[in-house]
Amino acid sequence: FKSIQNPSRGSKAVLDLFFAKTDACVVSKNIFLTMSELNP
């Protein structure tokens, strides 16, 4: 990878991806499903 970012929370990694600040992220499936329920 060109750049690796390590936010303190998985939710921050997902939001950065959502707003195109990164190209990909790795989080637990539970984090992704919870955030998807809060914001479809």
Full PDB file with SEQRES, HELIX, SHEET, SSBOND, CRYST1, ORIGX, SCALE, CONECT and MASTER records, all heavy atoms in Angstrom:
SEQRES   1 A   40  PHE LYS SER ILE GLN ASN PRO SER ARG GLY SER LYS ALA          
SEQRES   2 A   40  VAL LEU ASP LEU PHE PHE ALA LYS THR ASP ALA CYS VAL          
SEQRES   3 A   40  VAL SER LYS ASN ILE PHE LEU THR MET SER GLU LEU ASN          
SEQRES   4 A   40  PRO                                                          
HELIX    1 AA1 GLY A   10  PHE A   18  1                                   9    
HELIX    2 AA2 LYS A   29  LEU A   38  1                                  10    
CRYST1    1.000    1.000    1.000  90.00  90.00  90.00 P 1           1          
ORIGX1      1.000000  0.000000  0.000000        0.00000                         
ORIGX2      0.000000  1.000000  0.000000        0.00000                         
ORIGX3      0.000000  0.000000  1.000000        0.00000                         
SCALE1      1.000000  0.000000  0.000000        0.00000                         
SCALE2      0.000000  1.000000  0.000000        0.00000                         
SCALE3      0.000000  0.000000  1.000000        0.00000                         
ATOM      1  N   PHE A   1       0.836  -1.203   0.000  1.00  0.00           N  
ATOM      2  CA  PHE A   1       0.000   0.000   0.000  1.00  0.00           C  
ATOM      3  C   PHE A   1       0.872   1.256   0.000  1.00  0.00           C  
ATOM      4  O   PHE A   1       1.972   1.266   0.557  1.00  0.00           O  
ATOM      5  CB  PHE A   1      -0.922   0.008   1.220  1.00  0.00           C  
ATOM      6  CG  PHE A   1      -1.911  -1.119   1.235  1.00  0.00           C  
ATOM      7  CD1 PHE A   1      -1.706  -2.233   2.058  1.00  0.00           C  
ATOM      8  CD2 PHE A   1      -3.032  -1.083   0.427  1.00  0.00           C  
ATOM      9  CE1 PHE A   1      -2.614  -3.272   2.067  1.00  0.00           C  
ATOM     10  CE2 PHE A   1      -3.952  -2.127   0.437  1.00  0.00           C  
ATOM     11  CZ  PHE A   1      -3.736  -3.220   1.250  1.00  0.00           C  
ATOM     12  N   LYS A   2       0.370   2.316  -0.625  1.00  0.00           N  
ATOM     13  CA  LYS A   2       1.097   3.583  -0.665  1.00  0.00           C  
ATOM     14  C   LYS A   2       1.104   4.246   0.706  1.00  0.00           C  
ATOM     15  O   LYS A   2       2.125   4.805   1.145  1.00  0.00           O  
ATOM     16  CB  LYS A   2       0.456   4.521  -1.684  1.00  0.00           C  
ATOM     17  CG  LYS A   2       1.101   5.897  -1.761  1.00  0.00           C  
ATOM     18  CD  LYS A   2       0.370   6.786  -2.758  1.00  0.00           C  
ATOM     19  CE  LYS A   2       0.999   8.180  -2.808  1.00  0.00           C  
ATOM     20  NZ  LYS A   2       0.281   9.067  -3.773  1.00  0.00           N  
ATOM     21  N   SER A   3      -0.027   4.190   1.396  1.00  0.00           N  
ATOM     22  CA  SER A   3      -0.161   4.840   2.694  1.00  0.00           C  
ATOM     23  C   SER A   3      -1.039   3.995   3.599  1.00  0.00           C  
ATOM     24  O   SER A   3      -2.030   3.401   3.142  1.00  0.00           O  
ATOM     25  CB  SER A   3      -0.767   6.237   2.520  1.00  0.00           C  
ATOM     26  OG  SER A   3      -1.007   6.846   3.774  1.00  0.00           O  
ATOM     27  N   ILE A   4      -0.677   3.933   4.886  1.00  0.00           N  
ATOM     28  CA  ILE A   4      -1.444   3.168   5.872  1.00  0.00           C  
ATOM     29  C   ILE A   4      -1.796   4.088   7.027  1.00  0.00           C  
ATOM     30  O   ILE A   4      -0.917   4.679   7.655  1.00  0.00           O  
ATOM     31  CB  ILE A   4      -0.630   1.972   6.402  1.00  0.00           C  
ATOM     32  CG1 ILE A   4      -0.227   1.060   5.243  1.00  0.00           C  
ATOM     33  CG2 ILE A   4      -1.430   1.200   7.448  1.00  0.00           C  
ATOM     34  CD1 ILE A   4       0.826   0.050   5.609  1.00  0.00           C  
ATOM     35  N   GLN A   5      -3.078   4.227   7.296  1.00  0.00           N  
ATOM     36  CA  GLN A   5      -3.545   5.084   8.377  1.00  0.00           C  
ATOM     37  C   GLN A   5      -4.139   4.236   9.487  1.00  0.00           C  
ATOM     38  O   GLN A   5      -4.803   3.229   9.221  1.00  0.00           O  
ATOM     39  CB  GLN A   5      -4.577   6.089   7.860  1.00  0.00           C  
ATOM     40  CG  GLN A   5      -4.032   7.014   6.782  1.00  0.00           C  
ATOM     41  CD  GLN A   5      -5.076   7.986   6.263  1.00  0.00           C  
ATOM     42  OE1 GLN A   5      -6.142   8.144   6.857  1.00  0.00           O  
ATOM     43  NE2 GLN A   5      -4.778   8.637   5.146  1.00  0.00           N  
ATOM     44  N   ASN A   6      -3.925   4.652  10.727  1.00  0.00           N  
ATOM     45  CA  ASN A   6      -4.398   3.880  11.881  1.00  0.00           C  
ATOM     46  C   ASN A   6      -5.184   4.754  12.854  1.00  0.00           C  
ATOM     47  O   ASN A   6      -4.662   5.180  13.884  1.00  0.00           O  
ATOM     48  CB  ASN A   6      -3.221   3.227  12.602  1.00  0.00           C  
ATOM     49  CG  ASN A   6      -2.442   2.264  11.743  1.00  0.00           C  
ATOM     50  OD1 ASN A   6      -1.246   2.420  11.543  1.00  0.00           O  
ATOM     51  ND2 ASN A   6      -3.113   1.260  11.208  1.00  0.00           N  
ATOM     52  N   PRO A   7      -6.460   5.022  12.546  1.00  0.00           N  
ATOM     53  CA  PRO A   7      -7.290   5.771  13.495  1.00  0.00           C  
ATOM     54  C   PRO A   7      -7.512   4.952  14.753  1.00  0.00           C  
ATOM     55  O   PRO A   7      -7.308   3.726  14.769  1.00  0.00           O  
ATOM     56  CB  PRO A   7      -8.598   5.977  12.718  1.00  0.00           C  
ATOM     57  CG  PRO A   7      -8.631   4.853  11.742  1.00  0.00           C  
ATOM     58  CD  PRO A   7      -7.214   4.613  11.339  1.00  0.00           C  
ATOM     59  N   SER A   8      -7.948   5.611  15.808  1.00  0.00           N  
ATOM     60  CA  SER A   8      -8.139   4.926  17.089  1.00  0.00           C  
ATOM     61  C   SER A   8      -9.400   4.066  17.109  1.00  0.00           C  
ATOM     62  O   SER A   8      -9.512   3.141  17.914  1.00  0.00           O  
ATOM     63  CB  SER A   8      -8.200   5.949  18.230  1.00  0.00           C  
ATOM     64  OG  SER A   8      -9.270   6.866  18.015  1.00  0.00           O  
ATOM     65  N   ARG A   9     -10.352   4.360  16.223  1.00  0.00           N  
ATOM     66  CA  ARG A   9     -11.631   3.634  16.217  1.00  0.00           C  
ATOM     67  C   ARG A   9     -11.951   3.107  14.815  1.00  0.00           C  
ATOM     68  O   ARG A   9     -11.644   3.761  13.804  1.00  0.00           O  
ATOM     69  CB  ARG A   9     -12.779   4.525  16.691  1.00  0.00           C  
ATOM     70  CG  ARG A   9     -12.579   5.116  18.067  1.00  0.00           C  
ATOM     71  CD  ARG A   9     -13.806   5.905  18.512  1.00  0.00           C  
ATOM     72  NE  ARG A   9     -14.241   6.872  17.508  1.00  0.00           N  
ATOM     73  CZ  ARG A   9     -13.707   8.076  17.341  1.00  0.00           C  
ATOM     74  NH1 ARG A   9     -12.699   8.462  18.112  1.00  0.00           N  
ATOM     75  NH2 ARG A   9     -14.165   8.887  16.420  1.00  0.00           N  
ATOM     76  N   GLY A  10     -12.618   1.961  14.773  1.00  0.00           N  
ATOM     77  CA  GLY A  10     -13.030   1.394  13.499  1.00  0.00           C  
ATOM     78  C   GLY A  10     -14.043   2.274  12.787  1.00  0.00           C  
ATOM     79  O   GLY A  10     -14.048   2.360  11.555  1.00  0.00           O  
ATOM     80  N   SER A  11     -14.906   2.934  13.551  1.00  0.00           N  
ATOM     81  CA  SER A  11     -15.921   3.806  12.945  1.00  0.00           C  
ATOM     82  C   SER A  11     -15.265   4.954  12.172  1.00  0.00           C  
ATOM     83  O   SER A  11     -15.748   5.364  11.113  1.00  0.00           O  
ATOM     84  CB  SER A  11     -16.851   4.367  14.015  1.00  0.00           C  
ATOM     85  OG  SER A  11     -16.120   5.059  15.019  1.00  0.00           O  
ATOM     86  N   LYS A  12     -14.138   5.458  12.680  1.00  0.00           N  
ATOM     87  CA  LYS A  12     -13.411   6.534  11.997  1.00  0.00           C  
ATOM     88  C   LYS A  12     -12.847   6.028  10.671  1.00  0.00           C  
ATOM     89  O   LYS A  12     -12.877   6.740   9.646  1.00  0.00           O  
ATOM     90  CB  LYS A  12     -12.270   7.024  12.887  1.00  0.00           C  
ATOM     91  CG  LYS A  12     -11.394   8.121  12.281  1.00  0.00           C  
ATOM     92  CD  LYS A  12     -12.131   9.437  12.128  1.00  0.00           C  
ATOM     93  CE  LYS A  12     -11.196  10.617  11.918  1.00  0.00           C  
ATOM     94  NZ  LYS A  12     -10.256  10.479  10.793  1.00  0.00           N  
ATOM     95  N   ALA A  13     -12.358   4.795  10.646  1.00  0.00           N  
ATOM     96  CA  ALA A  13     -11.825   4.220   9.413  1.00  0.00           C  
ATOM     97  C   ALA A  13     -12.910   4.094   8.350  1.00  0.00           C  
ATOM     98  O   ALA A  13     -12.690   4.376   7.166  1.00  0.00           O  
ATOM     99  CB  ALA A  13     -11.200   2.859   9.695  1.00  0.00           C  
ATOM    100  N   VAL A  14     -14.123   3.690   8.762  1.00  0.00           N  
ATOM    101  CA  VAL A  14     -15.234   3.547   7.822  1.00  0.00           C  
ATOM    102  C   VAL A  14     -15.663   4.910   7.292  1.00  0.00           C  
ATOM    103  O   VAL A  14     -15.916   5.079   6.084  1.00  0.00           O  
ATOM    104  CB  VAL A  14     -16.422   2.829   8.494  1.00  0.00           C  
ATOM    105  CG1 VAL A  14     -17.635   2.802   7.555  1.00  0.00           C  
ATOM    106  CG2 VAL A  14     -16.037   1.406   8.879  1.00  0.00           C  
ATOM    107  N   LEU A  15     -15.761   5.899   8.158  1.00  0.00           N  
ATOM    108  CA  LEU A  15     -16.180   7.240   7.731  1.00  0.00           C  
ATOM    109  C   LEU A  15     -15.153   7.871   6.797  1.00  0.00           C  
ATOM    110  O   LEU A  15     -15.529   8.541   5.813  1.00  0.00           O  
ATOM    111  CB  LEU A  15     -16.418   8.129   8.950  1.00  0.00           C  
ATOM    112  CG  LEU A  15     -17.653   7.799   9.785  1.00  0.00           C  
ATOM    113  CD1 LEU A  15     -17.712   8.694  11.018  1.00  0.00           C  
ATOM    114  CD2 LEU A  15     -18.928   7.959   8.949  1.00  0.00           C  
ATOM    115  N   ASP A  16     -13.878   7.690   7.057  1.00  0.00           N  
ATOM    116  CA  ASP A  16     -12.846   8.225   6.166  1.00  0.00           C  
ATOM    117  C   ASP A  16     -12.952   7.601   4.779  1.00  0.00           C  
ATOM    118  O   ASP A  16     -12.764   8.280   3.762  1.00  0.00           O  
ATOM    119  CB  ASP A  16     -11.457   7.958   6.748  1.00  0.00           C  
ATOM    120  CG  ASP A  16     -11.122   8.898   7.895  1.00  0.00           C  
ATOM    121  OD1 ASP A  16     -11.873   9.880   8.097  1.00  0.00           O  
ATOM    122  OD2 ASP A  16     -10.115   8.652   8.597  1.00  0.00           O  
ATOM    123  N   LEU A  17     -13.266   6.316   4.729  1.00  0.00           N  
ATOM    124  CA  LEU A  17     -13.479   5.659   3.442  1.00  0.00           C  
ATOM    125  C   LEU A  17     -14.724   6.213   2.757  1.00  0.00           C  
ATOM    126  O   LEU A  17     -14.713   6.502   1.554  1.00  0.00           O  
ATOM    127  CB  LEU A  17     -13.619   4.145   3.645  1.00  0.00           C  
ATOM    128  CG  LEU A  17     -13.993   3.326   2.404  1.00  0.00           C  
ATOM    129  CD1 LEU A  17     -12.901   3.427   1.340  1.00  0.00           C  
ATOM    130  CD2 LEU A  17     -14.232   1.865   2.780  1.00  0.00           C  
ATOM    131  N   PHE A  18     -15.796   6.378   3.515  1.00  0.00           N  
ATOM    132  CA  PHE A  18     -17.062   6.886   2.978  1.00  0.00           C  
ATOM    133  C   PHE A  18     -16.883   8.267   2.337  1.00  0.00           C  
ATOM    134  O   PHE A  18     -17.436   8.558   1.273  1.00  0.00           O  
ATOM    135  CB  PHE A  18     -18.096   6.942   4.095  1.00  0.00           C  
ATOM    136  CG  PHE A  18     -19.451   7.437   3.657  1.00  0.00           C  
ATOM    137  CD1 PHE A  18     -20.283   6.634   2.896  1.00  0.00           C  
ATOM    138  CD2 PHE A  18     -19.894   8.700   4.017  1.00  0.00           C  
ATOM    139  CE1 PHE A  18     -21.537   7.088   2.485  1.00  0.00           C  
ATOM    140  CE2 PHE A  18     -21.141   9.162   3.608  1.00  0.00           C  
ATOM    141  CZ  PHE A  18     -21.961   8.353   2.853  1.00  0.00           C  
ATOM    142  N   PHE A  19     -16.064   9.120   2.964  1.00  0.00           N  
ATOM    143  CA  PHE A  19     -15.834  10.472   2.449  1.00  0.00           C  
ATOM    144  C   PHE A  19     -14.591  10.554   1.557  1.00  0.00           C  
ATOM    145  O   PHE A  19     -14.056  11.640   1.317  1.00  0.00           O  
ATOM    146  CB  PHE A  19     -15.704  11.450   3.622  1.00  0.00           C  
ATOM    147  CG  PHE A  19     -16.997  11.687   4.349  1.00  0.00           C  
ATOM    148  CD1 PHE A  19     -17.175  11.216   5.654  1.00  0.00           C  
ATOM    149  CD2 PHE A  19     -18.051  12.348   3.741  1.00  0.00           C  
ATOM    150  CE1 PHE A  19     -18.376  11.423   6.322  1.00  0.00           C  
ATOM    151  CE2 PHE A  19     -19.252  12.553   4.408  1.00  0.00           C  
ATOM    152  CZ  PHE A  19     -19.416  12.091   5.704  1.00  0.00           C  
ATOM    153  N   ALA A  20     -14.149   9.396   1.049  1.00  0.00           N  
ATOM    154  CA  ALA A  20     -13.082   9.315   0.046  1.00  0.00           C  
ATOM    155  C   ALA A  20     -11.729   9.843   0.534  1.00  0.00           C  
ATOM    156  O   ALA A  20     -10.906  10.297  -0.263  1.00  0.00           O  
ATOM    157  CB  ALA A  20     -13.491  10.030  -1.233  1.00  0.00           C  
ATOM    158  N   LYS A  21     -11.493   9.769   1.838  1.00  0.00           N  
ATOM    159  CA  LYS A  21     -10.184  10.163   2.359  1.00  0.00           C  
ATOM    160  C   LYS A  21      -9.183   9.007   2.242  1.00  0.00           C  
ATOM    161  O   LYS A  21      -7.977   9.226   2.324  1.00  0.00           O  
ATOM    162  CB  LYS A  21     -10.308  10.599   3.819  1.00  0.00           C  
ATOM    163  CG  LYS A  21     -11.133  11.873   4.016  1.00  0.00           C  
ATOM    164  CD  LYS A  21     -11.205  12.254   5.491  1.00  0.00           C  
ATOM    165  CE  LYS A  21     -12.008  13.532   5.688  1.00  0.00           C  
ATOM    166  NZ  LYS A  21     -12.091  13.924   7.118  1.00  0.00           N  
ATOM    167  N   THR A  22      -9.705   7.799   2.089  1.00  0.00           N  
ATOM    168  CA  THR A  22      -8.874   6.613   1.878  1.00  0.00           C  
ATOM    169  C   THR A  22      -9.499   5.771   0.779  1.00  0.00           C  
ATOM    170  O   THR A  22     -10.644   5.999   0.367  1.00  0.00           O  
ATOM    171  CB  THR A  22      -8.764   5.768   3.164  1.00  0.00           C  
ATOM    172  OG1 THR A  22     -10.085   5.370   3.577  1.00  0.00           O  
ATOM    173  CG2 THR A  22      -8.090   6.547   4.284  1.00  0.00           C  
ATOM    174  N   ASP A  23      -8.753   4.787   0.305  1.00  0.00           N  
ATOM    175  CA  ASP A  23      -9.250   3.913  -0.766  1.00  0.00           C  
ATOM    176  C   ASP A  23      -9.862   2.623  -0.235  1.00  0.00           C  
ATOM    177  O   ASP A  23     -10.659   1.980  -0.922  1.00  0.00           O  
ATOM    178  CB  ASP A  23      -8.102   3.556  -1.720  1.00  0.00           C  
ATOM    179  CG  ASP A  23      -7.513   4.779  -2.405  1.00  0.00           C  
ATOM    180  OD1 ASP A  23      -8.277   5.513  -3.060  1.00  0.00           O  
ATOM    181  OD2 ASP A  23      -6.289   5.002  -2.263  1.00  0.00           O  
ATOM    182  N   ALA A  24      -9.484   2.230   0.970  1.00  0.00           N  
ATOM    183  CA  ALA A  24      -9.997   0.982   1.545  1.00  0.00           C  
ATOM    184  C   ALA A  24      -9.813   1.021   3.056  1.00  0.00           C  
ATOM    185  O   ALA A  24      -9.059   1.848   3.587  1.00  0.00           O  
ATOM    186  CB  ALA A  24      -9.262  -0.224   0.963  1.00  0.00           C  
ATOM    187  N   CYS A  25     -10.497   0.140   3.751  1.00  0.00           N  
ATOM    188  CA  CYS A  25     -10.300   0.020   5.198  1.00  0.00           C  
ATOM    189  C   CYS A  25     -10.604  -1.403   5.644  1.00  0.00           C  
ATOM    190  O   CYS A  25     -11.309  -2.148   4.945  1.00  0.00           O  
ATOM    191  CB  CYS A  25     -11.155   1.024   5.972  1.00  0.00           C  
ATOM    192  SG  CYS A  25     -12.916   0.624   6.071  1.00  0.00           S  
ATOM    193  N   VAL A  26     -10.063  -1.783   6.784  1.00  0.00           N  
ATOM    194  CA  VAL A  26     -10.331  -3.086   7.383  1.00  0.00           C  
ATOM    195  C   VAL A  26     -10.896  -2.857   8.776  1.00  0.00           C  
ATOM    196  O   VAL A  26     -10.288  -2.160   9.595  1.00  0.00           O  
ATOM    197  CB  VAL A  26      -9.058  -3.944   7.490  1.00  0.00           C  
ATOM    198  CG1 VAL A  26      -9.382  -5.287   8.153  1.00  0.00           C  
ATOM    199  CG2 VAL A  26      -8.454  -4.184   6.115  1.00  0.00           C  
ATOM    200  N   VAL A  27     -12.082  -3.402   9.031  1.00  0.00           N  
ATOM    201  CA  VAL A  27     -12.716  -3.297  10.348  1.00  0.00           C  
ATOM    202  C   VAL A  27     -13.426  -4.611  10.639  1.00  0.00           C  
ATOM    203  O   VAL A  27     -13.517  -5.485   9.783  1.00  0.00           O  
ATOM    204  CB  VAL A  27     -13.750  -2.135  10.405  1.00  0.00           C  
ATOM    205  CG1 VAL A  27     -13.070  -0.790  10.247  1.00  0.00           C  
ATOM    206  CG2 VAL A  27     -14.827  -2.315   9.344  1.00  0.00           C  
ATOM    207  N   SER A  28     -13.928  -4.746  11.853  1.00  0.00           N  
ATOM    208  CA  SER A  28     -14.718  -5.934  12.167  1.00  0.00           C  
ATOM    209  C   SER A  28     -16.063  -5.838  11.456  1.00  0.00           C  
ATOM    210  O   SER A  28     -16.578  -4.750  11.202  1.00  0.00           O  
ATOM    211  CB  SER A  28     -14.926  -6.067  13.677  1.00  0.00           C  
ATOM    212  OG  SER A  28     -15.825  -5.073  14.143  1.00  0.00           O  
ATOM    213  N   LYS A  29     -16.615  -6.973  11.142  1.00  0.00           N  
ATOM    214  CA  LYS A  29     -17.911  -7.006  10.454  1.00  0.00           C  
ATOM    215  C   LYS A  29     -18.994  -6.350  11.296  1.00  0.00           C  
ATOM    216  O   LYS A  29     -19.899  -5.681  10.771  1.00  0.00           O  
ATOM    217  CB  LYS A  29     -18.292  -8.458  10.132  1.00  0.00           C  
ATOM    218  CG  LYS A  29     -19.552  -8.595   9.292  1.00  0.00           C  
ATOM    219  CD  LYS A  29     -19.803 -10.055   8.940  1.00  0.00           C  
ATOM    220  CE  LYS A  29     -21.054 -10.200   8.072  1.00  0.00           C  
ATOM    221  NZ  LYS A  29     -21.303 -11.630   7.730  1.00  0.00           N  
ATOM    222  N   ASN A  30     -18.905  -6.516  12.623  1.00  0.00           N  
ATOM    223  CA  ASN A  30     -19.904  -5.923  13.517  1.00  0.00           C  
ATOM    224  C   ASN A  30     -19.907  -4.398  13.433  1.00  0.00           C  
ATOM    225  O   ASN A  30     -20.966  -3.770  13.461  1.00  0.00           O  
ATOM    226  CB  ASN A  30     -19.638  -6.361  14.961  1.00  0.00           C  
ATOM    227  CG  ASN A  30     -20.025  -7.806  15.204  1.00  0.00           C  
ATOM    228  OD1 ASN A  30     -20.760  -8.399  14.423  1.00  0.00           O  
ATOM    229  ND2 ASN A  30     -19.516  -8.384  16.272  1.00  0.00           N  
ATOM    230  N   ILE A  31     -18.699  -3.794  13.337  1.00  0.00           N  
ATOM    231  CA  ILE A  31     -18.607  -2.341  13.206  1.00  0.00           C  
ATOM    232  C   ILE A  31     -19.300  -1.886  11.927  1.00  0.00           C  
ATOM    233  O   ILE A  31     -20.083  -0.924  11.915  1.00  0.00           O  
ATOM    234  CB  ILE A  31     -17.130  -1.888  13.197  1.00  0.00           C  
ATOM    235  CG1 ILE A  31     -16.526  -2.018  14.589  1.00  0.00           C  
ATOM    236  CG2 ILE A  31     -16.991  -0.456  12.693  1.00  0.00           C  
ATOM    237  CD1 ILE A  31     -17.044  -1.006  15.588  1.00  0.00           C  
ATOM    238  N   PHE A  32     -19.011  -2.580  10.827  1.00  0.00           N  
ATOM    239  CA  PHE A  32     -19.607  -2.215   9.541  1.00  0.00           C  
ATOM    240  C   PHE A  32     -21.131  -2.346   9.563  1.00  0.00           C  
ATOM    241  O   PHE A  32     -21.859  -1.460   9.106  1.00  0.00           O  
ATOM    242  CB  PHE A  32     -19.023  -3.082   8.428  1.00  0.00           C  
ATOM    243  CG  PHE A  32     -19.664  -2.867   7.087  1.00  0.00           C  
ATOM    244  CD1 PHE A  32     -19.621  -1.621   6.466  1.00  0.00           C  
ATOM    245  CD2 PHE A  32     -20.332  -3.901   6.451  1.00  0.00           C  
ATOM    246  CE1 PHE A  32     -20.226  -1.412   5.235  1.00  0.00           C  
ATOM    247  CE2 PHE A  32     -20.935  -3.709   5.214  1.00  0.00           C  
ATOM    248  CZ  PHE A  32     -20.879  -2.471   4.611  1.00  0.00           C  
ATOM    249  N   LEU A  33     -21.637  -3.440  10.119  1.00  0.00           N  
ATOM    250  CA  LEU A  33     -23.089  -3.654  10.150  1.00  0.00           C  
ATOM    251  C   LEU A  33     -23.783  -2.627  11.045  1.00  0.00           C  
ATOM    252  O   LEU A  33     -24.861  -2.123  10.710  1.00  0.00           O  
ATOM    253  CB  LEU A  33     -23.392  -5.073  10.640  1.00  0.00           C  
ATOM    254  CG  LEU A  33     -22.968  -6.210   9.711  1.00  0.00           C  
ATOM    255  CD1 LEU A  33     -23.271  -7.563  10.347  1.00  0.00           C  
ATOM    256  CD2 LEU A  33     -23.661  -6.085   8.351  1.00  0.00           C  
ATOM    257  N   THR A  34     -23.160  -2.303  12.179  1.00  0.00           N  
ATOM    258  CA  THR A  34     -23.745  -1.307  13.085  1.00  0.00           C  
ATOM    259  C   THR A  34     -23.821   0.057  12.424  1.00  0.00           C  
ATOM    260  O   THR A  34     -24.854   0.739  12.485  1.00  0.00           O  
ATOM    261  CB  THR A  34     -22.913  -1.199  14.378  1.00  0.00           C  
ATOM    262  OG1 THR A  34     -22.920  -2.473  15.040  1.00  0.00           O  
ATOM    263  CG2 THR A  34     -23.499  -0.147  15.309  1.00  0.00           C  
ATOM    264  N   MET A  35     -22.742   0.468  11.755  1.00  0.00           N  
ATOM    265  CA  MET A  35     -22.731   1.776  11.089  1.00  0.00           C  
ATOM    266  C   MET A  35     -23.687   1.811   9.904  1.00  0.00           C  
ATOM    267  O   MET A  35     -24.272   2.842   9.598  1.00  0.00           O  
ATOM    268  CB  MET A  35     -21.307   2.109  10.643  1.00  0.00           C  
ATOM    269  CG  MET A  35     -20.338   2.293  11.801  1.00  0.00           C  
ATOM    270  SD  MET A  35     -18.757   2.966  11.285  1.00  0.00           S  
ATOM    271  CE  MET A  35     -19.246   4.640  10.804  1.00  0.00           C  
ATOM    272  N   SER A  36     -23.859   0.676   9.260  1.00  0.00           N  
ATOM    273  CA  SER A  36     -24.805   0.601   8.132  1.00  0.00           C  
ATOM    274  C   SER A  36     -26.242   0.762   8.601  1.00  0.00           C  
ATOM    275  O   SER A  36     -27.074   1.352   7.915  1.00  0.00           O  
ATOM    276  CB  SER A  36     -24.643  -0.741   7.405  1.00  0.00           C  
ATOM    277  OG  SER A  36     -23.372  -0.840   6.820  1.00  0.00           O  
ATOM    278  N   GLU A  37     -26.537   0.237   9.780  1.00  0.00           N  
ATOM    279  CA  GLU A  37     -27.880   0.406  10.338  1.00  0.00           C  
ATOM    280  C   GLU A  37     -28.147   1.852  10.731  1.00  0.00           C  
ATOM    281  O   GLU A  37     -29.247   2.370  10.536  1.00  0.00           O  
ATOM    282  CB  GLU A  37     -28.052  -0.509  11.555  1.00  0.00           C  
ATOM    283  CG  GLU A  37     -28.109  -1.985  11.225  1.00  0.00           C  
ATOM    284  CD  GLU A  37     -28.309  -2.858  12.442  1.00  0.00           C  
ATOM    285  OE1 GLU A  37     -28.472  -2.269  13.544  1.00  0.00           O  
ATOM    286  OE2 GLU A  37     -28.276  -4.085  12.325  1.00  0.00           O  
ATOM    287  N   LEU A  38     -27.106   2.517  11.263  1.00  0.00           N  
ATOM    288  CA  LEU A  38     -27.248   3.914  11.666  1.00  0.00           C  
ATOM    289  C   LEU A  38     -27.306   4.830  10.444  1.00  0.00           C  
ATOM    290  O   LEU A  38     -27.998   5.866  10.478  1.00  0.00           O  
ATOM    291  CB  LEU A  38     -26.089   4.315  12.572  1.00  0.00           C  
ATOM    292  CG  LEU A  38     -25.991   3.594  13.920  1.00  0.00           C  
ATOM    293  CD1 LEU A  38     -24.726   3.987  14.656  1.00  0.00           C  
ATOM    294  CD2 LEU A  38     -27.228   3.910  14.781  1.00  0.00           C  
ATOM    295  N   ASN A  39     -26.598   4.469   9.401  1.00  0.00           N  
ATOM    296  CA  ASN A  39     -26.577   5.281   8.179  1.00  0.00           C  
ATOM    297  C   ASN A  39     -26.612   4.361   6.963  1.00  0.00           C  
ATOM    298  O   ASN A  39     -25.570   3.884   6.500  1.00  0.00           O  
ATOM    299  CB  ASN A  39     -25.327   6.157   8.146  1.00  0.00           C  
ATOM    300  CG  ASN A  39     -25.318   7.098   6.947  1.00  0.00           C  
ATOM    301  OD1 ASN A  39     -26.167   7.017   6.067  1.00  0.00           O  
ATOM    302  ND2 ASN A  39     -24.338   7.982   6.903  1.00  0.00           N  
ATOM    303  N   PRO A  40     -27.790   4.069   6.424  1.00  0.00           N  
ATOM    304  CA  PRO A  40     -27.925   3.136   5.268  1.00  0.00           C  
ATOM    305  C   PRO A  40     -27.081   3.525   4.071  1.00  0.00           C  
ATOM    306  O   PRO A  40     -26.753   2.654   3.242  1.00  0.00           O  
ATOM    307  CB  PRO A  40     -29.423   3.224   4.957  1.00  0.00           C  
ATOM    308  CG  PRO A  40     -30.068   3.606   6.247  1.00  0.00           C  
ATOM    309  CD  PRO A  40     -29.105   4.547   6.886  1.00  0.00           C  
TER     310      PRO A  40                                                      
MASTER        0    0    0    2    0    0    0    6  309    1    0    4          
END                                                                             
